[in-house]
Amino acid sequence: MSTIQHVLHEEYERLKELVVVYLKKLEAFPRGRPRVKVVRGSEYVYLNRREGHKVVDEYIGRVDSEKVQELYAQISRRDQVIRLLAEARQQLKDVERALRGKV
């Protein structure tokens, strides 16, 4: 095996492990998107997500509550992990193509 193929194979294994790590990180974050609803003039945040065929709204709290701010921070971190996962998967495809000689 040439040096380049060896390096590509190591990179392939590293990227596979990285994808698994990102998928495990995603499990820790809340699923869904926050939705602000106005009820009798006050704003409340609900976490809107799917469970099977049903759409579920989970009450989080008032817009200015600390719990809502934490939710927004977690969703921001989750979105960042999703972007990193997409980049890792694309790089994994590129390395697979290189290993098959289709670059």
C-alpha atoms as a PDB file:
ATOM      1  CA  MET A   1       0.000   0.000   0.000  1.00  0.00           C
ATOM      2  CA  SER A   2       1.421   3.349  -0.986  1.00  0.00           C
ATOM      3  CA  THR A   3       1.879   6.166   1.496  1.00  0.00           C
ATOM      4  CA  ILE A   4      -0.958   8.187  -0.009  1.00  0.00           C
ATOM      5  CA  GLN A   5      -3.372   5.267   0.188  1.00  0.00           C
ATOM      6  CA  HIS A   6      -2.309   4.629   3.771  1.00  0.00           C
ATOM      7  CA  VAL A   7      -2.973   8.265   4.719  1.00  0.00           C
ATOM      8  CA  LEU A   8      -6.333   8.195   2.929  1.00  0.00           C
ATOM      9  CA  HIS A   9      -7.282   5.002   4.753  1.00  0.00           C
ATOM     10  CA  GLU A  10      -6.382   6.573   8.122  1.00  0.00           C
ATOM     11  CA  GLU A  11      -8.422   9.664   7.231  1.00  0.00           C
ATOM     12  CA  TYR A  12     -11.337   7.439   6.218  1.00  0.00           C
ATOM     13  CA  GLU A  13     -11.302   5.662   9.597  1.00  0.00           C
ATOM     14  CA  ARG A  14     -10.987   8.976  11.468  1.00  0.00           C
ATOM     15  CA  LEU A  15     -13.957  10.453   9.607  1.00  0.00           C
ATOM     16  CA  LYS A  16     -16.089   7.351  10.259  1.00  0.00           C
ATOM     17  CA  GLU A  17     -15.391   7.672  13.984  1.00  0.00           C
ATOM     18  CA  LEU A  18     -16.121  11.416  13.841  1.00  0.00           C
ATOM     19  CA  VAL A  19     -19.529  10.794  12.259  1.00  0.00           C
ATOM     20  CA  VAL A  20     -20.395   8.358  15.061  1.00  0.00           C
ATOM     21  CA  VAL A  21     -19.309  10.912  17.697  1.00  0.00           C
ATOM     22  CA  TYR A  22     -21.445  13.643  16.109  1.00  0.00           C
ATOM     23  CA  LEU A  23     -24.472  11.335  15.935  1.00  0.00           C
ATOM     24  CA  LYS A  24     -24.094  10.510  19.634  1.00  0.00           C
ATOM     25  CA  LYS A  25     -23.818  14.215  20.470  1.00  0.00           C
ATOM     26  CA  LEU A  26     -27.024  14.901  18.552  1.00  0.00           C
ATOM     27  CA  GLU A  27     -28.931  12.445  20.742  1.00  0.00           C
ATOM     28  CA  ALA A  28     -28.237  14.643  23.796  1.00  0.00           C
ATOM     29  CA  PHE A  29     -29.848  17.750  22.287  1.00  0.00           C
ATOM     30  CA  PRO A  30     -33.579  18.472  22.235  1.00  0.00           C
ATOM     31  CA  ARG A  31     -35.421  17.549  19.044  1.00  0.00           C
ATOM     32  CA  GLY A  32     -37.666  20.025  17.286  1.00  0.00           C
ATOM     33  CA  ARG A  33     -37.881  23.773  16.854  1.00  0.00           C
ATOM     34  CA  PRO A  34     -39.039  26.449  19.266  1.00  0.00           C
ATOM     35  CA  ARG A  35     -42.316  28.131  18.424  1.00  0.00           C
ATOM     36  CA  VAL A  36     -43.580  31.319  20.067  1.00  0.00           C
ATOM     37  CA  LYS A  37     -47.299  31.454  20.730  1.00  0.00           C
ATOM     38  CA  VAL A  38     -49.208  34.473  21.962  1.00  0.00           C
ATOM     39  CA  VAL A  39     -51.861  33.613  24.543  1.00  0.00           C
ATOM     40  CA  ARG A  40     -53.939  36.485  25.961  1.00  0.00           C
ATOM     41  CA  GLY A  41     -51.240  39.003  25.095  1.00  0.00           C
ATOM     42  CA  SER A  42     -48.318  37.068  26.645  1.00  0.00           C
ATOM     43  CA  GLU A  43     -45.693  35.189  24.649  1.00  0.00           C
ATOM     44  CA  TYR A  44     -44.865  31.584  25.474  1.00  0.00           C
ATOM     45  CA  VAL A  45     -42.348  29.205  23.888  1.00  0.00           C
ATOM     46  CA  TYR A  46     -43.209  25.654  22.897  1.00  0.00           C
ATOM     47  CA  LEU A  47     -40.883  23.024  21.472  1.00  0.00           C
ATOM     48  CA  ASN A  48     -42.510  21.776  18.274  1.00  0.00           C
ATOM     49  CA  ARG A  49     -41.478  18.293  17.092  1.00  0.00           C
ATOM     50  CA  ARG A  50     -42.795  15.138  15.436  1.00  0.00           C
ATOM     51  CA  GLU A  51     -43.385  11.861  17.194  1.00  0.00           C
ATOM     52  CA  GLY A  52     -44.378   9.425  14.485  1.00  0.00           C
ATOM     53  CA  HIS A  53     -47.242  10.985  12.559  1.00  0.00           C
ATOM     54  CA  LYS A  54     -48.183  13.392  15.358  1.00  0.00           C
ATOM     55  CA  VAL A  55     -46.874  16.910  15.889  1.00  0.00           C
ATOM     56  CA  VAL A  56     -46.240  17.528  19.582  1.00  0.00           C
ATOM     57  CA  ASP A  57     -45.941  20.937  21.258  1.00  0.00           C
ATOM     58  CA  GLU A  58     -44.032  20.773  24.553  1.00  0.00           C
ATOM     59  CA  TYR A  59     -44.415  23.817  26.798  1.00  0.00           C
ATOM     60  CA  ILE A  60     -41.069  25.392  27.731  1.00  0.00           C
ATOM     61  CA  GLY A  61     -41.945  28.692  29.390  1.00  0.00           C
ATOM     62  CA  ARG A  62     -42.351  32.428  28.965  1.00  0.00           C
ATOM     63  CA  VAL A  63     -40.184  34.062  26.306  1.00  0.00           C
ATOM     64  CA  ASP A  64     -38.015  35.852  28.879  1.00  0.00           C
ATOM     65  CA  SER A  65     -37.414  32.821  31.134  1.00  0.00           C
ATOM     66  CA  GLU A  66     -33.997  31.305  31.728  1.00  0.00           C
ATOM     67  CA  LYS A  67     -35.234  27.891  30.598  1.00  0.00           C
ATOM     68  CA  VAL A  68     -36.098  29.316  27.167  1.00  0.00           C
ATOM     69  CA  GLN A  69     -32.684  30.962  26.856  1.00  0.00           C
ATOM     70  CA  GLU A  70     -31.034  27.623  27.640  1.00  0.00           C
ATOM     71  CA  LEU A  71     -33.214  25.934  25.020  1.00  0.00           C
ATOM     72  CA  TYR A  72     -32.120  28.446  22.373  1.00  0.00           C
ATOM     73  CA  ALA A  73     -28.475  27.890  23.346  1.00  0.00           C
ATOM     74  CA  GLN A  74     -28.873  24.102  23.046  1.00  0.00           C
ATOM     75  CA  ILE A  75     -30.548  24.428  19.661  1.00  0.00           C
ATOM     76  CA  SER A  76     -27.743  26.683  18.469  1.00  0.00           C
ATOM     77  CA  ARG A  77     -25.153  24.098  19.559  1.00  0.00           C
ATOM     78  CA  ARG A  78     -27.232  21.332  17.942  1.00  0.00           C
ATOM     79  CA  ASP A  79     -27.340  23.214  14.640  1.00  0.00           C
ATOM     80  CA  GLN A  80     -23.562  23.625  14.799  1.00  0.00           C
ATOM     81  CA  VAL A  81     -23.111  19.870  15.319  1.00  0.00           C
ATOM     82  CA  ILE A  82     -25.463  19.202  12.385  1.00  0.00           C
ATOM     83  CA  ARG A  83     -23.303  21.409  10.154  1.00  0.00           C
ATOM     84  CA  LEU A  84     -20.131  19.646  11.330  1.00  0.00           C
ATOM     85  CA  LEU A  85     -21.778  16.270  10.693  1.00  0.00           C
ATOM     86  CA  ALA A  86     -22.690  17.282   7.151  1.00  0.00           C
ATOM     87  CA  GLU A  87     -19.106  18.425   6.500  1.00  0.00           C
ATOM     88  CA  ALA A  88     -17.691  15.174   7.898  1.00  0.00           C
ATOM     89  CA  ARG A  89     -20.042  13.095   5.737  1.00  0.00           C
ATOM     90  CA  GLN A  90     -19.048  15.054   2.628  1.00  0.00           C
ATOM     91  CA  GLN A  91     -15.366  14.602   3.417  1.00  0.00           C
ATOM     92  CA  LEU A  92     -16.008  10.908   3.990  1.00  0.00           C
ATOM     93  CA  LYS A  93     -17.537  10.636   0.513  1.00  0.00           C
ATOM     94  CA  ASP A  94     -14.549  12.432  -0.988  1.00  0.00           C
ATOM     95  CA  VAL A  95     -12.089  10.087   0.722  1.00  0.00           C
ATOM     96  CA  GLU A  96     -14.131   7.048  -0.377  1.00  0.00           C
ATOM     97  CA  ARG A  97     -13.946   8.259  -3.982  1.00  0.00           C
ATOM     98  CA  ALA A  98     -10.207   8.773  -3.681  1.00  0.00           C
ATOM     99  CA  LEU A  99      -9.723   5.287  -2.263  1.00  0.00           C
ATOM    100  CA  ARG A 100     -11.680   3.799  -5.177  1.00  0.00           C
ATOM    101  CA  GLY A 101      -9.586   5.800  -7.619  1.00  0.00           C
ATOM    102  CA  LYS A 102     -12.428   8.008  -8.889  1.00  0.00           C
ATOM    103  CA  VAL A 103     -10.969  11.396  -8.030  1.00  0.00           C
END
